[in-house]
Amino acid sequence: MDEVLSAMRSPTTADQKLIRDAYDFAEIAHGTELRKSGEPYIIHPRAIALSLAKLGMDTDTIVAGILHDTVEDTPVTPEEIEEKFGKDVRFLVEGVTKLSKLKFRGLDRHVESLRRLLVATAADVRVIIIKLADRLHNMETIEFVAPEKRHRIAEETMEVYVPIEERLGMRSMRTELEDLAFKALDPAHYADTEHKLKERRSEMEEALE
């Protein structure tokens, strides 16, 4: 958790302890569970915590990011989360769990899905920010997902999550997600675009010299 704590804005000693405790708790809860990449599952909550820390999110949000899958994927209960980490963390974890149950069903359901996502997060925008950090790491490792599922996830990302980030003004994360979705949906055009951008960058560097 050192990298996560370093990315935070002046965490107190209590903040640091809470985050380390959450990480240890999640690591034990997920046990020997693996990602599709073959890596220990705890890699995923850690990546989310780092993204949230870089965004300047508060300690409860980072803790909830670490614990976001424990209620859905492990025997851990919401009551345990509340007992160890407080009501606010429990509220955020349960909010993310509810969002995870929303499934994208194609472009015709885009507006409805988007509306449901926004309504679900109206009580606390931190829930959607955790979910966006979750989606970012999932997209970064999407090559390990089956091709047919990969396309659905990428389409959902482009049609539902990217517009939400645009509305929230999260330009940096939105750009990352958009690029990752583009690469998954249209690899040939992505590679062509990447090549052209590299050529242009080279020309610009020569001009600057």
C-alpha atoms as a PDB file:
ATOM      1  CA  MET A   1       0.000   0.000   0.000  1.00  0.00           C
ATOM      2  CA  ASP A   2       3.026   2.326   0.077  1.00  0.00           C
ATOM      3  CA  GLU A   3       2.392   3.549  -3.475  1.00  0.00           C
ATOM      4  CA  VAL A   4      -1.268   4.216  -2.679  1.00  0.00           C
ATOM      5  CA  LEU A   5      -0.417   6.143   0.486  1.00  0.00           C
ATOM      6  CA  SER A   6       2.229   8.167  -1.375  1.00  0.00           C
ATOM      7  CA  ALA A   7      -0.374   9.170  -3.968  1.00  0.00           C
ATOM      8  CA  MET A   8      -2.764  10.456  -1.296  1.00  0.00           C
ATOM      9  CA  ARG A   9      -2.876  14.057  -0.151  1.00  0.00           C
ATOM     10  CA  SER A  10      -1.349  14.149   3.350  1.00  0.00           C
ATOM     11  CA  PRO A  11      -2.970  11.038   4.895  1.00  0.00           C
ATOM     12  CA  THR A  12      -3.009  10.996   8.691  1.00  0.00           C
ATOM     13  CA  THR A  13      -1.610   8.112  10.707  1.00  0.00           C
ATOM     14  CA  ALA A  14      -5.194   6.938  11.262  1.00  0.00           C
ATOM     15  CA  ASP A  15      -5.873   7.090   7.500  1.00  0.00           C
ATOM     16  CA  GLN A  16      -2.805   5.017   6.763  1.00  0.00           C
ATOM     17  CA  LYS A  17      -3.724   2.387   9.328  1.00  0.00           C
ATOM     18  CA  LEU A  18      -7.310   2.136   8.033  1.00  0.00           C
ATOM     19  CA  ILE A  19      -6.142   1.647   4.459  1.00  0.00           C
ATOM     20  CA  ARG A  20      -3.557  -0.973   5.416  1.00  0.00           C
ATOM     21  CA  ASP A  21      -6.157  -2.766   7.552  1.00  0.00           C
ATOM     22  CA  ALA A  22      -8.604  -2.745   4.619  1.00  0.00           C
ATOM     23  CA  TYR A  23      -5.964  -4.189   2.303  1.00  0.00           C
ATOM     24  CA  ASP A  24      -5.092  -6.981   4.772  1.00  0.00           C
ATOM     25  CA  PHE A  25      -8.804  -7.700   5.279  1.00  0.00           C
ATOM     26  CA  ALA A  26      -9.458  -7.886   1.509  1.00  0.00           C
ATOM     27  CA  GLU A  27      -6.386 -10.058   0.911  1.00  0.00           C
ATOM     28  CA  ILE A  28      -7.581 -12.575   3.499  1.00  0.00           C
ATOM     29  CA  ALA A  29     -11.187 -12.428   2.234  1.00  0.00           C
ATOM     30  CA  HIS A  30     -10.244 -13.082  -1.411  1.00  0.00           C
ATOM     31  CA  GLY A  31      -7.791 -15.791  -0.344  1.00  0.00           C
ATOM     32  CA  THR A  32      -6.508 -17.852  -3.276  1.00  0.00           C
ATOM     33  CA  GLU A  33      -8.950 -16.294  -5.766  1.00  0.00           C
ATOM     34  CA  LEU A  34      -7.276 -15.433  -9.074  1.00  0.00           C
ATOM     35  CA  ARG A  35      -7.978 -12.964 -11.863  1.00  0.00           C
ATOM     36  CA  LYS A  36      -8.420 -14.285 -15.408  1.00  0.00           C
ATOM     37  CA  SER A  37      -4.808 -13.179 -15.985  1.00  0.00           C
ATOM     38  CA  GLY A  38      -3.712 -15.720 -13.364  1.00  0.00           C
ATOM     39  CA  GLU A  39      -2.660 -12.995 -10.911  1.00  0.00           C
ATOM     40  CA  PRO A  40      -3.869 -12.942  -7.287  1.00  0.00           C
ATOM     41  CA  TYR A  41      -7.238 -11.158  -7.104  1.00  0.00           C
ATOM     42  CA  ILE A  42      -5.907  -8.608  -4.597  1.00  0.00           C
ATOM     43  CA  ILE A  43      -4.053  -6.958  -7.522  1.00  0.00           C
ATOM     44  CA  HIS A  44      -7.439  -5.583  -8.668  1.00  0.00           C
ATOM     45  CA  PRO A  45      -8.509  -3.818  -5.434  1.00  0.00           C
ATOM     46  CA  ARG A  46      -4.997  -2.425  -5.117  1.00  0.00           C
ATOM     47  CA  ALA A  47      -5.148  -0.924  -8.634  1.00  0.00           C
ATOM     48  CA  ILE A  48      -8.507   0.667  -7.826  1.00  0.00           C
ATOM     49  CA  ALA A  49      -7.154   2.125  -4.585  1.00  0.00           C
ATOM     50  CA  LEU A  50      -4.231   3.657  -6.483  1.00  0.00           C
ATOM     51  CA  SER A  51      -6.533   5.241  -9.086  1.00  0.00           C
ATOM     52  CA  LEU A  52      -8.743   6.686  -6.347  1.00  0.00           C
ATOM     53  CA  ALA A  53      -5.739   8.030  -4.438  1.00  0.00           C
ATOM     54  CA  LYS A  54      -4.441   9.755  -7.589  1.00  0.00           C
ATOM     55  CA  LEU A  55      -7.870  11.342  -8.037  1.00  0.00           C
ATOM     56  CA  GLY A  56      -7.562  12.818  -4.542  1.00  0.00           C
ATOM     57  CA  MET A  57     -10.448  10.837  -3.073  1.00  0.00           C
ATOM     58  CA  ASP A  58     -11.015  10.633   0.679  1.00  0.00           C
ATOM     59  CA  THR A  59      -9.929   7.723   2.874  1.00  0.00           C
ATOM     60  CA  ASP A  60     -13.385   6.097   3.117  1.00  0.00           C
ATOM     61  CA  THR A  61     -13.647   6.026  -0.683  1.00  0.00           C
ATOM     62  CA  ILE A  62     -10.230   4.400  -1.047  1.00  0.00           C
ATOM     63  CA  VAL A  63     -11.086   1.844   1.654  1.00  0.00           C
ATOM     64  CA  ALA A  64     -14.408   1.094  -0.097  1.00  0.00           C
ATOM     65  CA  GLY A  65     -12.499   0.693  -3.381  1.00  0.00           C
ATOM     66  CA  ILE A  66     -10.281  -1.932  -1.753  1.00  0.00           C
ATOM     67  CA  LEU A  67     -13.299  -3.749  -0.299  1.00  0.00           C
ATOM     68  CA  HIS A  68     -15.728  -3.228  -3.205  1.00  0.00           C
ATOM     69  CA  ASP A  69     -15.894  -6.910  -4.266  1.00  0.00           C
ATOM     70  CA  THR A  70     -15.773  -8.559  -0.843  1.00  0.00           C
ATOM     71  CA  VAL A  71     -19.537  -8.589  -0.249  1.00  0.00           C
ATOM     72  CA  GLU A  72     -20.302  -9.861  -3.756  1.00  0.00           C
ATOM     73  CA  ASP A  73     -17.468 -12.398  -4.172  1.00  0.00           C
ATOM     74  CA  THR A  74     -16.570 -13.596  -0.673  1.00  0.00           C
ATOM     75  CA  PRO A  75     -18.399 -14.682   2.520  1.00  0.00           C
ATOM     76  CA  VAL A  76     -17.875 -11.182   4.000  1.00  0.00           C
ATOM     77  CA  THR A  77     -21.151  -9.478   5.015  1.00  0.00           C
ATOM     78  CA  PRO A  78     -22.099  -5.782   4.967  1.00  0.00           C
ATOM     79  CA  GLU A  79     -22.376  -5.973   8.748  1.00  0.00           C
ATOM     80  CA  GLU A  80     -18.722  -7.035   9.008  1.00  0.00           C
ATOM     81  CA  ILE A  81     -17.699  -4.144   6.763  1.00  0.00           C
ATOM     82  CA  GLU A  82     -19.600  -1.690   8.969  1.00  0.00           C
ATOM     83  CA  GLU A  83     -18.197  -3.151  12.181  1.00  0.00           C
ATOM     84  CA  LYS A  84     -14.586  -2.893  11.015  1.00  0.00           C
ATOM     85  CA  PHE A  85     -14.643   0.165   8.751  1.00  0.00           C
ATOM     86  CA  GLY A  86     -17.782   2.165   9.554  1.00  0.00           C
ATOM     87  CA  LYS A  87     -21.213   2.943   8.111  1.00  0.00           C
ATOM     88  CA  ASP A  88     -19.895   5.214   5.338  1.00  0.00           C
ATOM     89  CA  VAL A  89     -17.652   2.490   3.902  1.00  0.00           C
ATOM     90  CA  ARG A  90     -20.487  -0.021   4.082  1.00  0.00           C
ATOM     91  CA  PHE A  91     -22.781   2.388   2.225  1.00  0.00           C
ATOM     92  CA  LEU A  92     -20.218   2.870  -0.552  1.00  0.00           C
ATOM     93  CA  VAL A  93     -19.450  -0.857  -0.890  1.00  0.00           C
ATOM     94  CA  GLU A  94     -23.154  -1.737  -1.090  1.00  0.00           C
ATOM     95  CA  GLY A  95     -23.661   1.032  -3.660  1.00  0.00           C
ATOM     96  CA  VAL A  96     -20.934  -0.372  -5.902  1.00  0.00           C
ATOM     97  CA  THR A  97     -22.356  -3.884  -5.470  1.00  0.00           C
ATOM     98  CA  LYS A  98     -25.753  -2.653  -6.711  1.00  0.00           C
ATOM     99  CA  LEU A  99     -24.139  -1.010  -9.759  1.00  0.00           C
ATOM    100  CA  SER A 100     -22.353  -4.267 -10.592  1.00  0.00           C
ATOM    101  CA  LYS A 101     -25.736  -5.936 -11.071  1.00  0.00           C
ATOM    102  CA  LEU A 102     -26.745  -3.503 -13.828  1.00  0.00           C
ATOM    103  CA  LYS A 103     -26.127  -5.136 -17.204  1.00  0.00           C
ATOM    104  CA  PHE A 104     -25.764  -3.369 -20.543  1.00  0.00           C
ATOM    105  CA  ARG A 105     -27.963  -4.869 -23.238  1.00  0.00           C
ATOM    106  CA  GLY A 106     -26.950  -2.953 -26.361  1.00  0.00           C
ATOM    107  CA  LEU A 107     -27.379   0.543 -27.766  1.00  0.00           C
ATOM    108  CA  ASP A 108     -31.194   0.515 -27.533  1.00  0.00           C
ATOM    109  CA  ARG A 109     -30.847   0.216 -23.750  1.00  0.00           C
ATOM    110  CA  HIS A 110     -28.111   2.872 -23.547  1.00  0.00           C
ATOM    111  CA  VAL A 111     -30.250   5.749 -22.279  1.00  0.00           C
ATOM    112  CA  GLU A 112     -32.052   3.577 -19.746  1.00  0.00           C
ATOM    113  CA  SER A 113     -28.810   2.063 -18.454  1.00  0.00           C
ATOM    114  CA  LEU A 114     -27.199   5.471 -18.173  1.00  0.00           C
ATOM    115  CA  ARG A 115     -30.197   6.890 -16.323  1.00  0.00           C
ATOM    116  CA  ARG A 116     -30.250   3.983 -13.886  1.00  0.00           C
ATOM    117  CA  LEU A 117     -26.556   4.427 -13.195  1.00  0.00           C
ATOM    118  CA  LEU A 118     -26.941   8.125 -12.513  1.00  0.00           C
ATOM    119  CA  VAL A 119     -30.006   7.639 -10.310  1.00  0.00           C
ATOM    120  CA  ALA A 120     -28.263   4.873  -8.370  1.00  0.00           C
ATOM    121  CA  THR A 121     -25.402   7.242  -7.544  1.00  0.00           C
ATOM    122  CA  ALA A 122     -27.455  10.345  -6.830  1.00  0.00           C
ATOM    123  CA  ALA A 123     -27.061   9.849  -3.077  1.00  0.00           C
ATOM    124  CA  ASP A 124     -23.245   9.864  -3.247  1.00  0.00           C
ATOM    125  CA  VAL A 125     -21.142  10.442  -6.361  1.00  0.00           C
ATOM    126  CA  ARG A 126     -18.253   8.531  -4.744  1.00  0.00           C
ATOM    127  CA  VAL A 127     -20.034   5.279  -5.606  1.00  0.00           C
ATOM    128  CA  ILE A 128     -19.782   5.941  -9.338  1.00  0.00           C
ATOM    129  CA  ILE A 129     -16.169   7.102  -9.013  1.00  0.00           C
ATOM    130  CA  ILE A 130     -15.238   3.761  -7.401  1.00  0.00           C
ATOM    131  CA  LYS A 131     -17.105   1.956 -10.181  1.00  0.00           C
ATOM    132  CA  LEU A 132     -15.259   3.972 -12.823  1.00  0.00           C
ATOM    133  CA  ALA A 133     -11.893   3.085 -11.257  1.00  0.00           C
ATOM    134  CA  ASP A 134     -13.045  -0.559 -11.232  1.00  0.00           C
ATOM    135  CA  ARG A 135     -13.957  -0.383 -14.913  1.00  0.00           C
ATOM    136  CA  LEU A 136     -10.620   1.240 -15.800  1.00  0.00           C
ATOM    137  CA  HIS A 137      -8.592  -1.628 -14.341  1.00  0.00           C
ATOM    138  CA  ASN A 138     -10.907  -4.212 -15.930  1.00  0.00           C
ATOM    139  CA  MET A 139     -10.363  -2.550 -19.308  1.00  0.00           C
ATOM    140  CA  GLU A 140      -6.594  -2.493 -18.763  1.00  0.00           C
ATOM    141  CA  THR A 141      -6.670  -6.287 -18.423  1.00  0.00           C
ATOM    142  CA  ILE A 142      -9.447  -7.018 -20.938  1.00  0.00           C
ATOM    143  CA  GLU A 143      -7.156  -9.112 -23.155  1.00  0.00           C
ATOM    144  CA  PHE A 144      -7.628 -11.988 -20.697  1.00  0.00           C
ATOM    145  CA  VAL A 145     -11.435 -11.990 -21.245  1.00  0.00           C
ATOM    146  CA  ALA A 146     -13.108 -14.202 -23.882  1.00  0.00           C
ATOM    147  CA  PRO A 147     -13.445 -12.340 -27.252  1.00  0.00           C
ATOM    148  CA  GLU A 148     -17.276 -12.332 -27.321  1.00  0.00           C
ATOM    149  CA  LYS A 149     -17.478 -10.949 -23.776  1.00  0.00           C
ATOM    150  CA  ARG A 150     -14.649  -8.510 -24.493  1.00  0.00           C
ATOM    151  CA  HIS A 151     -16.687  -6.755 -27.186  1.00  0.00           C
ATOM    152  CA  ARG A 152     -19.722  -6.373 -24.910  1.00  0.00           C
ATOM    153  CA  ILE A 153     -17.642  -4.939 -22.078  1.00  0.00           C
ATOM    154  CA  ALA A 154     -15.891  -2.500 -24.421  1.00  0.00           C
ATOM    155  CA  GLU A 155     -19.188  -1.378 -25.956  1.00  0.00           C
ATOM    156  CA  GLU A 156     -20.694  -0.898 -22.496  1.00  0.00           C
ATOM    157  CA  THR A 157     -17.631   1.124 -21.507  1.00  0.00           C
ATOM    158  CA  MET A 158     -17.879   3.401 -24.535  1.00  0.00           C
ATOM    159  CA  GLU A 159     -21.655   3.876 -24.424  1.00  0.00           C
ATOM    160  CA  VAL A 160     -22.295   4.079 -20.671  1.00  0.00           C
ATOM    161  CA  TYR A 161     -19.183   4.799 -18.628  1.00  0.00           C
ATOM    162  CA  VAL A 162     -17.287   7.219 -20.895  1.00  0.00           C
ATOM    163  CA  PRO A 163     -20.272   9.641 -21.117  1.00  0.00           C
ATOM    164  CA  ILE A 164     -20.612   9.586 -17.310  1.00  0.00           C
ATOM    165  CA  GLU A 165     -16.951  10.511 -16.914  1.00  0.00           C
ATOM    166  CA  GLU A 166     -17.441  13.318 -19.402  1.00  0.00           C
ATOM    167  CA  ARG A 167     -20.355  14.665 -17.335  1.00  0.00           C
ATOM    168  CA  LEU A 168     -18.267  14.440 -14.164  1.00  0.00           C
ATOM    169  CA  GLY A 169     -15.360  16.284 -15.798  1.00  0.00           C
ATOM    170  CA  MET A 170     -12.990  13.325 -15.295  1.00  0.00           C
ATOM    171  CA  ARG A 171     -11.033  14.039 -18.457  1.00  0.00           C
ATOM    172  CA  SER A 172      -7.905  11.981 -17.765  1.00  0.00           C
ATOM    173  CA  MET A 173      -9.705   8.762 -16.809  1.00  0.00           C
ATOM    174  CA  ARG A 174     -12.273   9.291 -19.574  1.00  0.00           C
ATOM    175  CA  THR A 175      -9.509   9.483 -22.191  1.00  0.00           C
ATOM    176  CA  GLU A 176      -7.890   6.302 -20.877  1.00  0.00           C
ATOM    177  CA  LEU A 177     -11.194   4.390 -20.896  1.00  0.00           C
ATOM    178  CA  GLU A 178     -12.120   5.671 -24.353  1.00  0.00           C
ATOM    179  CA  ASP A 179      -8.770   4.580 -25.804  1.00  0.00           C
ATOM    180  CA  LEU A 180      -8.976   1.137 -24.184  1.00  0.00           C
ATOM    181  CA  ALA A 181     -12.543   0.644 -25.458  1.00  0.00           C
ATOM    182  CA  PHE A 182     -11.546   1.772 -28.972  1.00  0.00           C
ATOM    183  CA  LYS A 183      -8.664  -0.717 -28.974  1.00  0.00           C
ATOM    184  CA  ALA A 184     -10.968  -3.588 -27.970  1.00  0.00           C
ATOM    185  CA  LEU A 185     -13.795  -2.676 -30.364  1.00  0.00           C
ATOM    186  CA  ASP A 186     -11.721  -1.916 -33.472  1.00  0.00           C
ATOM    187  CA  PRO A 187      -8.114  -3.161 -33.125  1.00  0.00           C
ATOM    188  CA  ALA A 188      -7.197  -2.491 -36.774  1.00  0.00           C
ATOM    189  CA  HIS A 189      -8.238   1.162 -36.771  1.00  0.00           C
ATOM    190  CA  TYR A 190      -6.737   1.616 -33.307  1.00  0.00           C
ATOM    191  CA  ALA A 191      -3.343   0.350 -34.540  1.00  0.00           C
ATOM    192  CA  ASP A 192      -3.574   2.563 -37.649  1.00  0.00           C
ATOM    193  CA  THR A 193      -4.418   5.621 -35.554  1.00  0.00           C
ATOM    194  CA  GLU A 194      -1.635   4.864 -33.090  1.00  0.00           C
ATOM    195  CA  HIS A 195       0.852   4.576 -35.981  1.00  0.00           C
ATOM    196  CA  LYS A 196      -0.250   7.909 -37.464  1.00  0.00           C
ATOM    197  CA  LEU A 197       0.017   9.636 -34.091  1.00  0.00           C
ATOM    198  CA  LYS A 198       3.564   8.317 -33.625  1.00  0.00           C
ATOM    199  CA  GLU A 199       4.518   9.602 -37.079  1.00  0.00           C
ATOM    200  CA  ARG A 200       3.057  13.019 -36.298  1.00  0.00           C
ATOM    201  CA  ARG A 201       4.806  13.105 -32.922  1.00  0.00           C
ATOM    202  CA  SER A 202       8.115  12.350 -34.618  1.00  0.00           C
ATOM    203  CA  GLU A 203       7.550  15.164 -37.129  1.00  0.00           C
ATOM    204  CA  MET A 204       6.667  17.590 -34.345  1.00  0.00           C
ATOM    205  CA  GLU A 205       9.764  16.680 -32.363  1.00  0.00           C
ATOM    206  CA  GLU A 206      11.961  17.293 -35.425  1.00  0.00           C
ATOM    207  CA  ALA A 207      10.273  20.659 -35.985  1.00  0.00           C
ATOM    208  CA  LEU A 208      10.804  21.622 -32.343  1.00  0.00           C
ATOM    209  CA  GLU A 209      14.490  20.686 -32.530  1.00  0.00           C
END
